[in-house]
Amino acid sequence: MSSATFEFEANPSPVAASERTALLENPGFGKLFTDHMAMVRWSDAKGWHDAKITARGPLSLDPATAVLHYAQEIFEGLKAYRMEDGGTALFRPLENARRFRESAQRMAMPELPDDLFVGSIEALVKADRDWIPQIEGGSLYLRPFMFASEVFLGVKPAAEYLYLVIASPAGAYFKGGAPAVTIWVSDHYTRAAPGGTGAAKCGGNYAASLVAQAEAIREGCDQVVFLDAAERRWVEELGGMNLFFVFDDGSIATPPLGTILPGITRESILTLAREQGIAVREAPYAIDQWKADAQSGKLVETFACGTAAVVTPVGKVKGRDGEFTIGSGGPGQVTEALKAKLTAIQRGQAPDSHGWVHRFG
């Protein structure tokens, strides 16, 4: 199903062009939204149907709507970029489509076909292309999501679902543009366990991380990092990003998949690093080893990565047992080089030998 399949219902009261221009000068992250949204319904009887682009607006939900009680909900995040030649592009949308299907499997939800996933995003971006900020680093953040919309009370997979895509003009993810972030080691809360939903992109994972994130903020940190649920020893990921470690021998390491989210930015960085001849390990890394390596100088850089923040240096790690600084406490050479390479490909400023950039419109 392509973007042309979507019926278009124009927003009768779009934001005025002059107001939109003023808003896009400093969009922040996740606070502004475009004029339209994509919507597709699913039911046992009809399958996927009623695909349309319509005015973005409130949803009307019955108090017994299944998602409100049993949390059958998944989402994705990706960005649309304005290319230097005036075109528009997405970065690896088929990987987001694949992960969306895998999340649906884990949450006992219907799988959205890849062409419908990509088609919905193309249709929305075409409708709201003027919302892509032209500021340095600006993009249009896209949030596809699906939830159980059947009205019933009972612990079983729902028979009806609603899939939507909304779009938000985006600037910097972290406020203030800090050169590096400080993270808090959670020693009480965990994010996921073997057999759980850690590898699925579902809202419950993020809800469970919020109390730990609030603790991190109270401790003067930007983000929280979680340890494994079994031993509380092995570093896993941040509340919304994967982690990488850079060593003095030039090698890099990242925690293995299983209970963490298989990040698309993570996988892209692994590919780019290997192409540059960097030795890469996907292996467990203990919190006490992280501290020891940072203090000895063996570990020279740490960075977090994800769709929203792209690549973000980690300068300091704090916990109840003290704190330690990584390298100089600011961005490192390997981190900056990988970020530059990745963002150049995303924005069409460097050759795309992998076919990662999906141009349209």
Foldseek 3Di string as FASTA:
>chain_A
DALVVAAEAFQPDFDDPVVLLVCLVPVAPDPDWGQWKWKWKAFPVPGIDNTYIYGDDDDDADPQQPCVPPVLKFKFKWWWAQAPVRFIWTFQQLVRLVLQQVLCVLSVHDRDDSNVSVRRVVNVCVSGVSNFRPDVQKTKMKMKMKGRRDRDDDPDDHRMMMIMMIIGIHDAHDPPPDQAWEEEEDQDAAQWAFPGSQQHRGPVSLVSCVVVQVVRVVVVGRWYWYAYPPPSWWTAQISAWFKKWAFPVQAIEGAADGRHHPAPLVVVLVVVCVVVVHHYYHHTDTPVNVQVCQVVRGTAWMWIAHNRNHIHTHAKYQYPVGIGGHHPSGDDDVSVVSSVVVVCVARVNDDDPPPRIGIDD
